[in-house]
Amino acid sequence: MNQPSPAIVAQSSVRRLPRRALLLLCAAYVLAGFIGRDPLKNADVTAFGTMLELVAGTSSWWNPTLMGQSDPGVLLPHWLGAWAIALAPAWVDPAFAVRIPFMALLATALAATWYGVYYLARAPRAQPVAFAFGGEARPTDYARALADGGLLALVACLGLAQLSHETTPALAQLGCAALAFFGLAALPYRTAQALAALAAGLLGLALSGAPTVAVLLGLGGAATCLIERGEDDSPTDRRRQALWVLALALATAAIALALDLWRWRIALPPAQWSTWRSLGRLLLWFTWPVWPLALWTLWRWRGQLLGGRPERHFAIPLWFLFVLVGGTLVAPPSDRALLLGLPALAALAAFALPTFGRSAGALIDWFTLLFFSSCAITIWVIWISLQTGVPAKPAANVAKLAPGFEPVFSLPAFVLALAATGVWIWLVRWRVGRHPAAIWKSLVLPAGGTALCWFLLMTLGMPTLNYARSYAPLVRLVQAQMKTQTQVPQGCVEIHGFTRAQIAAFRFHGGMDLRTASAAASDCPWLLVHSDALPTMRDTVGSQPWTLVASVRRPADKDEDMLLFRR
């Protein structure tokens, strides 16, 4: 029995969101966070250091390493960054050059999500109820309006902001997962383009350290093609599509095997209440404010969900979420695994929009207005306190958390932040005014508020965050201690107990010639030891004479001390 659609949408409610405004929002969101900062601790600077090794020719392109330490199975992100450094002009900072392909990956994720939701909403059973005398939304306009809402929902996700602005495998996986999502969604309508996007997405996932996810998504997509109700294409077409998707999934698995990309990363969470509580909190805040909308979608469309064969517009997002939320539970780090599920979650949230009543939309608007306005005011107050000393408490708190930080005034950052705040005020006035209804209006303030707070943090708060999350201050402190020892010649530095992030940071920020400490004779005048590795130092360096010069702590981290020794 065909279950009716719960969407009752008139043509007047599917007005097109102005393209210029949507593109400006996406551009501001993508650029903020990639510009004006150092490589950040930990994964960001680690990946950057590995890319520099590839460009220098000191590491294999098929097994990228950093002083012998590697992230097995991760190739594509390092290749992209290394190619960007090699192709960039000499006057371009390598730390910025590597971010260019990752900006493109984030833009790809946003675009693929829009088109994925658009083609899911084109499905016949995703359409709104037909009115007795006409006037219901036309399929193309309805799909475009839902796609606008899906993109706004993705931008509104709190968990997207930080991880999508790092040059790490997680962002490469996000872009590839979004491509695979679009490929499966568009398969009945743009078969050739969809298969190309799906092939790129699955192969990219495999080359970015997620071959198991790629194969599972491909197998689930093939199964969806076979068992979906499919009123817009013939059974023969669906079988042909399923065979293509299955072939791509198997080819991805074969390539991953040939390149030795498979790694055992499963780590079941311990059966402790604290662990499950932490995972629950991560799911709640990371996907806010989209997860309540996704749950509302499942409730309002339950007739189709429970009506026998799955519908494409729900089967594809739900399969993505099943695989990726499952990965969150068993494949740490959990937040980076959950990141890949945000496009599918945004798609589910979009289908809640045509079922909202006026009271639900008003509740979202008022909560969003209060929450993000409060966050923006807080950021401005902290910045004013750092610049003027009034009020004194915020500046004192920053000085306590980041000792040694000196506030700086940047006129471009101030002007951009002021302009973004003005746009937010205008957006609020527009939203509360009397305007023709549009189903995407309920997500304008959540997406705008998230983008505003992220933009303010990346302009007004960038100097503070850069000082707190970069290794540059620690490297400068270590170099200052070296310069006080005038009787010690400059030269190479032996290290013990360093992580890959610390190796990359001391090489990039300090230009140091780092070598692994050993008991063998060496002419390096300096030794750097991480405090946690001090108990094993004697076993490593043997009886070589070393004298402790200083213990240097990273300013914003009480648990990261470097011990500097001279020979």
Protein backbone atom coordinates (compact mmCIF):
# COMPACT_ATOMS: atom_id res chain seq x y z
CA MET A 1 0.00 0.00 0.00
CA ASN A 2 1.38 3.42 -0.95
CA GLN A 3 1.66 5.63 2.10
CA PRO A 4 0.82 9.29 1.45
CA SER A 5 3.46 11.95 1.73
CA PRO A 6 3.25 14.07 4.91
CA ALA A 7 4.58 17.07 2.97
CA ILE A 8 1.94 19.66 2.13
CA VAL A 9 3.74 22.40 0.22
CA ALA A 10 2.38 25.09 -2.05
CA GLN A 11 4.32 26.50 -4.97
CA SER A 12 4.67 29.80 -3.12
CA SER A 13 6.65 28.04 -0.35
CA VAL A 14 9.47 26.80 -2.57
CA ARG A 15 10.93 30.13 -3.52
CA ARG A 16 14.54 29.93 -4.52
CA LEU A 17 17.08 31.03 -1.94
CA PRO A 18 19.10 33.84 -3.60
CA ARG A 19 22.16 32.21 -5.17
CA ARG A 20 24.44 35.14 -4.41
CA ALA A 21 23.62 35.02 -0.70
CA LEU A 22 24.07 31.23 -0.56
CA LEU A 23 27.41 31.35 -2.37
CA LEU A 24 28.62 34.20 -0.15
CA LEU A 25 27.71 32.22 2.96
CA CYS A 26 29.57 29.15 1.70
CA ALA A 27 32.62 31.18 0.64
CA ALA A 28 32.87 32.91 4.02
CA TYR A 29 32.48 29.58 5.82
CA VAL A 30 35.13 27.83 3.69
CA LEU A 31 37.76 30.60 3.80
CA ALA A 32 37.45 31.38 7.52
CA GLY A 33 39.79 29.04 9.36
CA PHE A 34 42.16 28.34 6.47
CA ILE A 35 43.69 31.83 6.35
CA GLY A 36 45.92 33.61 8.85
CA ARG A 37 47.05 30.76 11.11
CA ASP A 38 49.91 28.35 11.73
CA PRO A 39 49.58 24.57 11.39
CA LEU A 40 47.65 23.50 14.47
CA LYS A 41 48.20 20.75 17.01
CA ASN A 42 47.99 17.75 16.44
CA ALA A 43 46.67 16.16 13.25
CA ASP A 44 46.98 19.34 11.19
CA VAL A 45 50.69 19.87 11.72
CA THR A 46 51.37 16.12 11.50
CA ALA A 47 49.86 15.88 8.03
CA PHE A 48 51.69 19.06 6.98
CA GLY A 49 55.03 17.65 8.12
CA THR A 50 54.45 14.45 6.17
CA MET A 51 53.63 16.47 3.04
CA LEU A 52 56.91 18.37 3.41
CA GLU A 53 58.76 15.05 3.61
CA LEU A 54 57.22 13.95 0.32
CA VAL A 55 58.23 17.18 -1.41
CA ALA A 56 61.76 16.92 -0.03
CA GLY A 57 62.07 13.38 -1.38
CA THR A 58 62.91 11.86 2.02
CA SER A 59 59.78 9.67 2.13
CA SER A 60 58.14 7.17 -0.21
CA TRP A 61 55.00 8.37 -1.94
CA TRP A 62 53.46 4.94 -1.41
CA ASN A 63 54.24 4.93 2.31
CA PRO A 64 54.47 8.53 3.55
CA THR A 65 56.47 8.77 6.77
CA LEU A 66 57.86 11.42 9.07
CA MET A 67 61.24 10.35 10.49
CA GLY A 68 60.18 6.73 10.11
CA GLN A 69 56.76 7.22 11.74
CA SER A 70 53.76 6.74 9.46
CA ASP A 71 49.97 6.73 9.30
CA PRO A 72 49.50 3.43 7.44
CA GLY A 73 47.02 3.35 4.60
CA VAL A 74 46.63 7.13 4.20
CA LEU A 75 47.85 8.33 0.81
CA LEU A 76 45.54 10.80 -0.95
CA PRO A 77 45.56 13.66 1.61
CA HIS A 78 49.36 13.66 1.72
CA TRP A 79 49.58 13.52 -2.06
CA LEU A 80 47.25 16.49 -2.46
CA GLY A 81 49.20 18.63 -0.01
CA ALA A 82 52.56 17.67 -1.48
CA TRP A 83 51.41 18.42 -5.03
CA ALA A 84 50.10 21.80 -3.87
CA ILE A 85 53.46 22.69 -2.29
CA ALA A 86 55.37 21.55 -5.39
CA LEU A 87 53.16 23.53 -7.77
CA ALA A 88 52.89 26.70 -5.70
CA PRO A 89 55.16 29.66 -6.56
CA ALA A 90 58.18 30.19 -4.33
CA TRP A 91 56.63 33.26 -2.68
CA VAL A 92 53.64 31.25 -1.38
CA ASP A 93 54.02 29.95 2.17
CA PRO A 94 53.95 26.11 2.08
CA ALA A 95 51.66 26.11 5.13
CA PHE A 96 49.06 28.02 3.08
CA ALA A 97 49.69 26.18 -0.18
CA VAL A 98 48.70 22.84 1.34
CA ARG A 99 45.33 24.29 2.37
CA ILE A 100 44.24 25.13 -1.17
CA PRO A 101 43.24 21.56 -2.17
CA PHE A 102 41.57 21.11 1.21
CA MET A 103 39.51 24.25 0.66
CA ALA A 104 38.43 22.61 -2.59
CA LEU A 105 37.54 19.43 -0.70
CA LEU A 106 35.30 21.33 1.72
CA ALA A 107 33.66 23.18 -1.18
CA THR A 108 33.15 19.80 -2.88
CA ALA A 109 31.47 18.42 0.24
CA LEU A 110 29.06 21.37 0.37
CA ALA A 111 28.24 21.19 -3.36
CA ALA A 112 27.85 17.39 -3.35
CA THR A 113 25.49 17.60 -0.37
CA TRP A 114 23.32 20.18 -2.18
CA TYR A 115 23.09 18.07 -5.34
CA GLY A 116 22.63 14.86 -3.36
CA VAL A 117 19.62 16.27 -1.49
CA TYR A 118 18.29 17.73 -4.75
CA TYR A 119 18.21 14.37 -6.51
CA LEU A 120 16.81 12.55 -3.46
CA ALA A 121 13.97 15.10 -3.34
CA ARG A 122 13.25 14.47 -7.04
CA ALA A 123 12.04 10.94 -6.19
CA PRO A 124 8.30 10.59 -6.96
CA ARG A 125 7.37 9.45 -3.44
CA ALA A 126 9.33 12.30 -1.87
CA GLN A 127 7.02 14.83 -3.55
CA PRO A 128 4.39 16.78 -1.60
CA VAL A 129 0.69 15.94 -1.68
CA ALA A 130 -1.09 17.01 -4.86
CA PHE A 131 -3.82 19.57 -4.27
CA ALA A 132 -7.33 18.98 -5.57
CA PHE A 133 -7.30 22.17 -7.66
CA GLY A 134 -3.55 22.41 -8.32
CA GLY A 135 -1.04 24.83 -6.83
CA GLU A 136 1.22 22.28 -5.15
CA ALA A 137 4.98 22.73 -5.48
CA ARG A 138 6.50 21.71 -8.80
CA PRO A 139 8.99 18.81 -8.45
CA THR A 140 12.06 20.75 -9.59
CA ASP A 141 11.33 23.79 -7.44
CA TYR A 142 10.49 21.59 -4.45
CA ALA A 143 13.76 19.66 -4.85
CA ARG A 144 15.76 22.89 -5.14
CA ALA A 145 14.19 24.30 -1.99
CA LEU A 146 14.93 21.12 -0.03
CA ALA A 147 18.52 21.14 -1.36
CA ASP A 148 18.92 24.70 -0.10
CA GLY A 149 17.66 23.56 3.29
CA GLY A 150 20.00 20.56 3.30
CA LEU A 151 23.02 22.74 2.61
CA LEU A 152 22.00 25.18 5.35
CA ALA A 153 21.58 22.22 7.72
CA LEU A 154 25.11 21.00 6.96
CA VAL A 155 26.63 24.44 7.56
CA ALA A 156 24.67 24.69 10.82
CA CYS A 157 26.26 21.52 12.27
CA LEU A 158 28.56 22.51 15.13
CA GLY A 159 30.87 19.56 14.57
CA LEU A 160 31.66 20.52 10.98
CA ALA A 161 33.49 23.77 11.77
CA GLN A 162 36.85 22.74 13.23
CA LEU A 163 37.52 19.39 11.54
CA SER A 164 36.57 20.69 8.09
CA HIS A 165 39.23 23.40 8.28
CA GLU A 166 42.24 21.18 8.92
CA THR A 167 44.57 19.66 6.32
CA THR A 168 43.94 16.14 7.59
CA PRO A 169 42.67 12.82 6.23
CA ALA A 170 39.31 13.52 7.92
CA LEU A 171 38.53 16.37 5.51
CA ALA A 172 39.57 14.27 2.50
CA GLN A 173 37.27 11.50 3.73
CA LEU A 174 34.42 14.01 4.16
CA GLY A 175 34.77 15.27 0.59
CA CYS A 176 34.92 11.74 -0.80
CA ALA A 177 31.97 10.52 1.31
CA ALA A 178 29.90 13.47 0.06
CA LEU A 179 30.82 12.58 -3.54
CA ALA A 180 29.72 8.98 -2.96
CA PHE A 181 26.47 10.26 -1.40
CA PHE A 182 25.78 12.42 -4.45
CA GLY A 183 26.66 9.57 -6.80
CA LEU A 184 24.13 7.19 -5.27
CA ALA A 185 21.44 9.88 -5.02
CA ALA A 186 21.77 11.00 -8.66
CA LEU A 187 22.11 7.53 -10.17
CA PRO A 188 18.59 7.32 -11.71
CA TYR A 189 18.84 10.80 -13.23
CA ARG A 190 22.48 11.39 -14.28
CA THR A 191 23.88 7.88 -14.56
CA ALA A 192 27.26 8.65 -16.14
CA GLN A 193 28.04 11.64 -13.89
CA ALA A 194 26.76 9.78 -10.84
CA LEU A 195 28.94 6.73 -11.50
CA ALA A 196 31.98 8.96 -12.03
CA ALA A 197 31.32 10.75 -8.73
CA LEU A 198 30.72 7.44 -6.95
CA ALA A 199 33.95 5.95 -8.32
CA ALA A 200 35.91 9.03 -7.25
CA GLY A 201 34.30 8.99 -3.82
CA LEU A 202 34.85 5.31 -3.09
CA LEU A 203 38.43 5.31 -4.38
CA GLY A 204 39.17 8.53 -2.50
CA LEU A 205 37.86 7.03 0.73
CA ALA A 206 40.04 3.97 0.25
CA LEU A 207 43.14 6.10 -0.42
CA SER A 208 42.36 8.31 2.59
CA GLY A 209 42.42 5.54 5.16
CA ALA A 210 38.80 4.34 5.03
CA PRO A 211 38.62 1.38 2.59
CA THR A 212 36.16 -0.52 4.77
CA VAL A 213 33.77 2.44 4.82
CA ALA A 214 34.08 2.77 1.04
CA VAL A 215 33.25 -0.88 0.40
CA LEU A 216 30.33 -0.90 2.85
CA LEU A 217 28.83 2.24 1.34
CA GLY A 218 29.17 0.75 -2.13
CA LEU A 219 27.59 -2.57 -1.15
CA GLY A 220 24.73 -0.79 0.58
CA GLY A 221 24.20 1.41 -2.46
CA ALA A 222 24.01 -1.65 -4.72
CA ALA A 223 21.49 -3.28 -2.40
CA THR A 224 19.40 -0.10 -2.38
CA CYS A 225 19.25 -0.10 -6.18
CA LEU A 226 17.94 -3.67 -6.16
CA ILE A 227 15.30 -3.51 -3.44
CA GLU A 228 13.96 0.06 -3.65
CA ARG A 229 10.42 0.60 -4.85
CA GLY A 230 11.62 2.62 -7.86
CA GLU A 231 8.63 4.20 -9.59
CA ASP A 232 10.76 6.35 -11.92
CA ASP A 233 12.81 3.63 -13.64
CA SER A 234 12.40 0.03 -14.79
CA PRO A 235 13.61 -3.07 -12.90
CA THR A 236 16.16 -3.65 -15.68
CA ASP A 237 17.63 -0.18 -15.16
CA ARG A 238 17.81 -0.74 -11.42
CA ARG A 239 19.61 -4.06 -11.86
CA ARG A 240 22.06 -2.47 -14.28
CA GLN A 241 22.72 0.35 -11.81
CA ALA A 242 23.17 -2.13 -8.97
CA LEU A 243 25.74 -4.09 -11.01
CA TRP A 244 27.69 -0.91 -11.74
CA VAL A 245 27.72 0.10 -8.08
CA LEU A 246 28.69 -3.42 -7.00
CA ALA A 247 31.51 -3.45 -9.56
CA LEU A 248 32.83 -0.13 -8.24
CA ALA A 249 32.72 -1.41 -4.65
CA LEU A 250 34.59 -4.60 -5.57
CA ALA A 251 37.13 -2.65 -7.64
CA THR A 252 37.72 -0.36 -4.66
CA ALA A 253 38.30 -3.39 -2.44
CA ALA A 254 40.73 -4.88 -4.96
CA ILE A 255 42.71 -1.63 -5.24
CA ALA A 256 42.87 -1.35 -1.45
CA LEU A 257 44.21 -4.90 -1.25
CA ALA A 258 46.75 -4.29 -4.00
CA LEU A 259 48.07 -1.16 -2.30
CA ASP A 260 47.98 -2.74 1.18
CA LEU A 261 45.58 -0.09 2.50
CA TRP A 262 43.57 -2.33 4.81
CA ARG A 263 44.31 -1.81 8.49
CA TRP A 264 42.65 -3.16 11.60
CA ARG A 265 41.31 -0.08 13.38
CA ILE A 266 38.43 -1.63 15.33
CA ALA A 267 38.50 -0.80 19.04
CA LEU A 268 35.32 -1.68 20.88
CA PRO A 269 34.45 0.89 23.55
CA PRO A 270 34.81 -0.40 27.12
CA ALA A 271 31.63 -1.42 28.88
CA GLN A 272 31.67 1.61 31.18
CA TRP A 273 28.97 4.18 31.73
CA SER A 274 31.43 7.06 31.40
CA THR A 275 32.49 5.92 27.92
CA TRP A 276 28.95 5.63 26.62
CA ARG A 277 28.03 8.94 28.23
CA SER A 278 30.94 10.61 26.42
CA LEU A 279 29.84 9.09 23.10
CA GLY A 280 26.28 10.27 23.73
CA ARG A 281 27.45 13.80 24.44
CA LEU A 282 29.55 13.76 21.28
CA LEU A 283 26.55 12.71 19.18
CA LEU A 284 24.37 15.40 20.74
CA TRP A 285 26.64 18.43 20.39
CA PHE A 286 28.53 17.40 17.23
CA THR A 287 25.35 17.06 15.18
CA TRP A 288 23.44 19.95 16.79
CA PRO A 289 21.04 21.45 15.65
CA VAL A 290 20.39 18.87 12.91
CA TRP A 291 19.72 15.71 14.88
CA PRO A 292 16.31 16.88 16.27
CA LEU A 293 15.22 17.64 12.69
CA ALA A 294 16.39 14.20 11.53
CA LEU A 295 14.37 12.53 14.29
CA TRP A 296 11.34 14.61 13.32
CA THR A 297 11.78 13.43 9.72
CA LEU A 298 11.77 9.79 10.81
CA TRP A 299 8.59 10.35 12.80
CA ARG A 300 6.63 12.31 10.22
CA TRP A 301 7.64 10.06 7.30
CA ARG A 302 7.26 6.82 9.29
CA GLY A 303 4.48 5.65 6.98
CA GLN A 304 6.93 5.35 4.10
CA LEU A 305 9.75 4.06 6.29
CA LEU A 306 7.63 1.20 7.60
CA GLY A 307 5.69 0.58 4.43
CA GLY A 308 7.65 -2.35 3.00
CA ARG A 309 10.44 -1.71 0.51
CA PRO A 310 12.67 1.23 1.38
CA GLU A 311 12.42 4.50 -0.50
CA ARG A 312 15.61 5.86 -2.10
CA HIS A 313 15.31 9.25 -0.41
CA PHE A 314 15.54 7.55 3.00
CA ALA A 315 17.42 4.33 2.30
CA ILE A 316 20.60 6.07 1.12
CA PRO A 317 20.96 8.58 4.00
CA LEU A 318 20.03 5.95 6.59
CA TRP A 319 22.58 3.47 5.25
CA PHE A 320 25.29 6.15 5.34
CA LEU A 321 24.37 6.99 8.92
CA PHE A 322 24.26 3.32 9.95
CA VAL A 323 27.78 2.71 8.62
CA LEU A 324 29.32 5.96 9.84
CA VAL A 325 27.69 6.12 13.27
CA GLY A 326 28.76 2.50 13.69
CA GLY A 327 32.29 3.61 12.83
CA THR A 328 32.00 6.30 15.48
CA LEU A 329 31.38 3.62 18.09
CA VAL A 330 34.15 1.21 17.10
CA ALA A 331 36.79 3.17 15.16
CA PRO A 332 38.39 6.01 17.13
CA PRO A 333 38.81 8.94 16.95
CA SER A 334 35.03 9.09 17.17
CA ASP A 335 34.55 12.70 16.12
CA ARG A 336 36.44 12.24 12.84
CA ALA A 337 34.40 9.14 12.02
CA LEU A 338 31.14 10.96 12.80
CA LEU A 339 32.17 13.85 10.54
CA LEU A 340 31.54 11.72 7.44
CA GLY A 341 27.90 11.20 8.39
CA LEU A 342 26.98 14.89 8.48
CA PRO A 343 25.94 15.16 4.77
CA ALA A 344 23.52 12.25 5.16
CA LEU A 345 22.19 13.66 8.43
CA ALA A 346 21.66 17.05 6.76
CA ALA A 347 19.70 15.30 4.00
CA LEU A 348 17.38 13.70 6.55
CA ALA A 349 16.95 17.04 8.30
CA ALA A 350 15.94 18.68 5.01
CA PHE A 351 12.93 16.38 4.70
CA ALA A 352 11.64 17.71 8.02
CA LEU A 353 11.20 21.20 6.57
CA PRO A 354 8.03 20.58 4.49
CA THR A 355 6.32 19.04 7.53
CA PHE A 356 6.94 21.90 9.96
CA GLY A 357 4.14 23.97 11.38
CA ARG A 358 4.50 27.66 12.09
CA SER A 359 5.03 27.11 15.84
CA ALA A 360 7.95 24.71 15.27
CA GLY A 361 9.65 27.17 12.94
CA ALA A 362 9.20 29.98 15.46
CA LEU A 363 10.72 27.83 18.24
CA ILE A 364 13.81 27.13 16.12
CA ASP A 365 14.15 30.81 15.24
CA TRP A 366 13.95 32.13 18.79
CA PHE A 367 16.26 29.51 20.25
CA THR A 368 18.79 30.09 17.48
CA LEU A 369 18.56 33.86 17.84
CA LEU A 370 19.23 33.76 21.58
CA PHE A 371 21.98 31.12 21.43
CA PHE A 372 24.09 32.51 18.60
CA SER A 373 23.59 36.14 19.55
CA SER A 374 24.83 35.30 23.06
CA CYS A 375 27.85 33.51 21.59
CA ALA A 376 28.66 36.44 19.30
CA ILE A 377 28.36 38.94 22.15
CA THR A 378 30.66 36.78 24.29
CA ILE A 379 33.33 36.72 21.57
CA TRP A 380 33.13 40.51 21.16
CA VAL A 381 33.35 41.09 24.94
CA ILE A 382 36.46 38.90 25.24
CA TRP A 383 38.09 40.69 22.30
CA ILE A 384 37.30 44.14 23.72
CA SER A 385 38.67 43.06 27.10
CA LEU A 386 41.92 41.90 25.50
CA GLN A 387 42.28 45.16 23.59
CA THR A 388 41.25 47.64 26.29
CA GLY A 389 41.39 45.79 29.62
CA VAL A 390 37.68 46.52 30.25
CA PRO A 391 36.09 44.40 31.55
CA ALA A 392 39.15 42.96 33.27
CA LYS A 393 37.92 39.43 34.02
CA PRO A 394 37.91 37.99 30.46
CA ALA A 395 41.44 39.24 29.78
CA ALA A 396 42.63 37.78 33.08
CA ASN A 397 41.11 34.41 32.18
CA VAL A 398 42.86 34.42 28.79
CA ALA A 399 46.17 35.32 30.45
CA LYS A 400 45.71 32.40 32.83
CA LEU A 401 44.90 29.91 30.08
CA ALA A 402 47.51 31.19 27.59
CA PRO A 403 50.39 32.71 29.63
CA GLY A 404 52.67 34.89 27.58
CA PHE A 405 50.07 35.82 24.97
CA GLU A 406 50.24 39.43 23.82
CA PRO A 407 47.04 40.78 22.19
CA VAL A 408 47.43 42.39 18.77
CA PHE A 409 45.02 44.62 16.88
CA SER A 410 44.33 43.72 13.26
CA LEU A 411 42.31 46.30 11.32
CA PRO A 412 41.29 43.87 8.50
CA ALA A 413 40.08 41.29 11.04
CA PHE A 414 38.16 43.96 12.95
CA VAL A 415 36.46 45.28 9.81
CA LEU A 416 35.52 41.78 8.62
CA ALA A 417 34.13 40.84 12.05
CA LEU A 418 32.14 44.08 12.19
CA ALA A 419 30.73 43.41 8.71
CA ALA A 420 29.77 39.83 9.65
CA THR A 421 28.00 41.09 12.78
CA GLY A 422 26.13 43.65 10.69
CA VAL A 423 25.00 40.93 8.30
CA TRP A 424 23.73 38.88 11.26
CA ILE A 425 21.68 41.83 12.55
CA TRP A 426 20.21 42.34 9.07
CA LEU A 427 19.49 38.62 8.78
CA VAL A 428 17.61 38.60 12.09
CA ARG A 429 15.55 41.63 11.04
CA TRP A 430 14.74 39.96 7.72
CA ARG A 431 13.74 36.69 9.41
CA VAL A 432 11.34 38.28 11.90
CA GLY A 433 9.82 40.54 9.23
CA ARG A 434 6.82 39.78 7.08
CA HIS A 435 8.04 37.91 4.01
CA PRO A 436 6.55 35.21 1.79
CA ALA A 437 6.95 31.76 3.31
CA ALA A 438 9.76 29.46 2.16
CA ILE A 439 10.41 26.02 3.59
CA TRP A 440 14.15 26.71 4.00
CA LYS A 441 13.59 29.81 6.17
CA SER A 442 13.71 27.80 9.42
CA LEU A 443 17.38 26.94 8.79
CA VAL A 444 18.57 30.40 7.78
CA LEU A 445 19.28 31.54 11.35
CA PRO A 446 20.96 28.26 12.47
CA ALA A 447 23.30 28.27 9.46
CA GLY A 448 23.89 32.02 9.67
CA GLY A 449 24.53 31.88 13.41
CA THR A 450 27.02 29.02 13.13
CA ALA A 451 28.82 30.79 10.29
CA LEU A 452 28.86 34.07 12.26
CA CYS A 453 30.39 32.57 15.40
CA TRP A 454 32.95 30.61 13.38
CA PHE A 455 33.84 33.75 11.43
CA LEU A 456 34.24 35.82 14.61
CA LEU A 457 36.46 33.14 16.16
CA MET A 458 38.61 33.04 13.02
CA THR A 459 39.00 36.85 12.89
CA LEU A 460 38.78 38.36 16.38
CA GLY A 461 39.83 35.16 18.16
CA MET A 462 42.43 33.93 15.68
CA PRO A 463 45.54 35.39 17.43
CA THR A 464 44.52 33.81 20.74
CA LEU A 465 43.53 30.46 19.24
CA ASN A 466 46.65 30.37 17.09
CA TYR A 467 48.84 30.98 20.14
CA ALA A 468 47.01 28.32 22.16
CA ARG A 469 46.85 25.61 19.48
CA SER A 470 50.12 26.13 17.61
CA TYR A 471 53.54 24.71 18.45
CA ALA A 472 55.24 27.94 17.32
CA PRO A 473 55.41 29.48 20.86
CA LEU A 474 57.03 26.31 22.24
CA VAL A 475 59.61 26.23 19.44
CA ARG A 476 60.48 29.90 20.02
CA LEU A 477 60.97 29.27 23.75
CA VAL A 478 63.28 26.32 23.05
CA GLN A 479 65.29 28.36 20.56
CA ALA A 480 65.61 31.18 23.09
CA GLN A 481 67.09 28.74 25.61
CA MET A 482 69.55 27.49 22.99
CA LYS A 483 70.73 31.03 22.29
CA THR A 484 71.55 31.57 25.98
CA GLN A 485 74.16 28.82 25.73
CA THR A 486 76.65 30.83 23.70
CA GLN A 487 79.45 28.32 24.31
CA VAL A 488 77.49 25.56 22.56
CA PRO A 489 77.78 25.55 18.74
CA GLN A 490 74.62 25.43 16.64
CA GLY A 491 73.98 22.13 14.95
CA CYS A 492 71.67 19.15 14.72
CA VAL A 493 69.28 18.19 17.50
CA GLU A 494 68.69 14.67 18.74
CA ILE A 495 65.15 13.92 19.91
CA HIS A 496 63.59 11.27 22.12
CA GLY A 497 59.92 10.62 22.80
CA PHE A 498 58.62 13.02 20.16
CA THR A 499 55.27 12.58 18.44
CA ARG A 500 54.95 13.15 14.70
CA ALA A 501 53.24 16.49 15.41
CA GLN A 502 56.18 17.68 17.51
CA ILE A 503 58.69 16.52 14.91
CA ALA A 504 56.86 18.44 12.17
CA ALA A 505 56.53 21.56 14.33
CA PHE A 506 60.22 21.78 15.31
CA ARG A 507 61.26 21.19 11.73
CA PHE A 508 58.90 23.77 10.24
CA HIS A 509 58.89 26.52 12.88
CA GLY A 510 62.48 26.09 14.00
CA GLY A 511 64.18 24.82 10.85
CA MET A 512 65.96 22.25 13.02
CA ASP A 513 67.89 19.26 11.74
CA LEU A 514 66.29 16.57 13.90
CA ARG A 515 67.77 13.14 14.41
CA THR A 516 66.59 10.20 16.46
CA ALA A 517 68.56 9.85 19.70
CA SER A 518 70.65 6.71 20.10
CA ALA A 519 73.54 5.32 22.11
CA ALA A 520 75.84 5.59 19.11
CA ALA A 521 78.38 8.40 18.98
CA SER A 522 77.00 11.61 17.46
CA ASP A 523 78.18 15.17 16.89
CA CYS A 524 74.80 16.77 17.67
CA PRO A 525 75.26 19.35 20.48
CA TRP A 526 71.59 19.28 21.59
CA LEU A 527 69.11 16.73 22.86
CA LEU A 528 65.37 17.34 23.26
CA VAL A 529 63.35 14.90 25.33
CA HIS A 530 59.62 14.89 25.94
CA SER A 531 59.00 14.80 29.68
CA ASP A 532 56.86 11.65 29.41
CA ALA A 533 59.81 9.82 27.82
CA LEU A 534 62.36 10.82 30.47
CA PRO A 535 62.28 7.42 32.27
CA THR A 536 63.46 5.68 29.08
CA MET A 537 66.05 8.28 28.12
CA ARG A 538 69.01 6.50 29.69
CA ASP A 539 68.15 3.28 27.87
CA THR A 540 68.19 5.18 24.58
CA VAL A 541 71.21 7.48 24.83
CA GLY A 542 73.34 5.12 26.91
CA SER A 543 76.29 6.63 28.76
CA GLN A 544 76.69 9.73 26.61
CA PRO A 545 77.25 12.86 28.72
CA TRP A 546 74.28 15.23 28.62
CA THR A 547 73.61 18.25 30.85
CA LEU A 548 70.10 19.57 31.46
CA VAL A 549 69.79 23.19 30.32
CA ALA A 550 66.08 23.94 30.78
CA SER A 551 62.60 22.51 31.00
CA VAL A 552 60.32 24.33 28.55
CA ARG A 553 56.53 24.08 28.73
CA ARG A 554 54.16 24.81 25.88
CA PRO A 555 52.37 27.93 27.14
CA ALA A 556 48.79 26.70 26.76
CA ASP A 557 49.37 23.10 27.86
CA LYS A 558 50.28 22.00 31.37
CA ASP A 559 51.10 18.46 30.24
CA GLU A 560 53.59 19.14 27.45
CA ASP A 561 57.13 19.84 28.68
CA MET A 562 60.33 19.62 26.66
CA LEU A 563 63.64 18.96 28.40
CA LEU A 564 66.62 20.58 26.65
CA PHE A 565 70.05 19.01 27.16
CA ARG A 566 73.45 20.08 25.85
CA ARG A 567 76.32 17.73 25.23
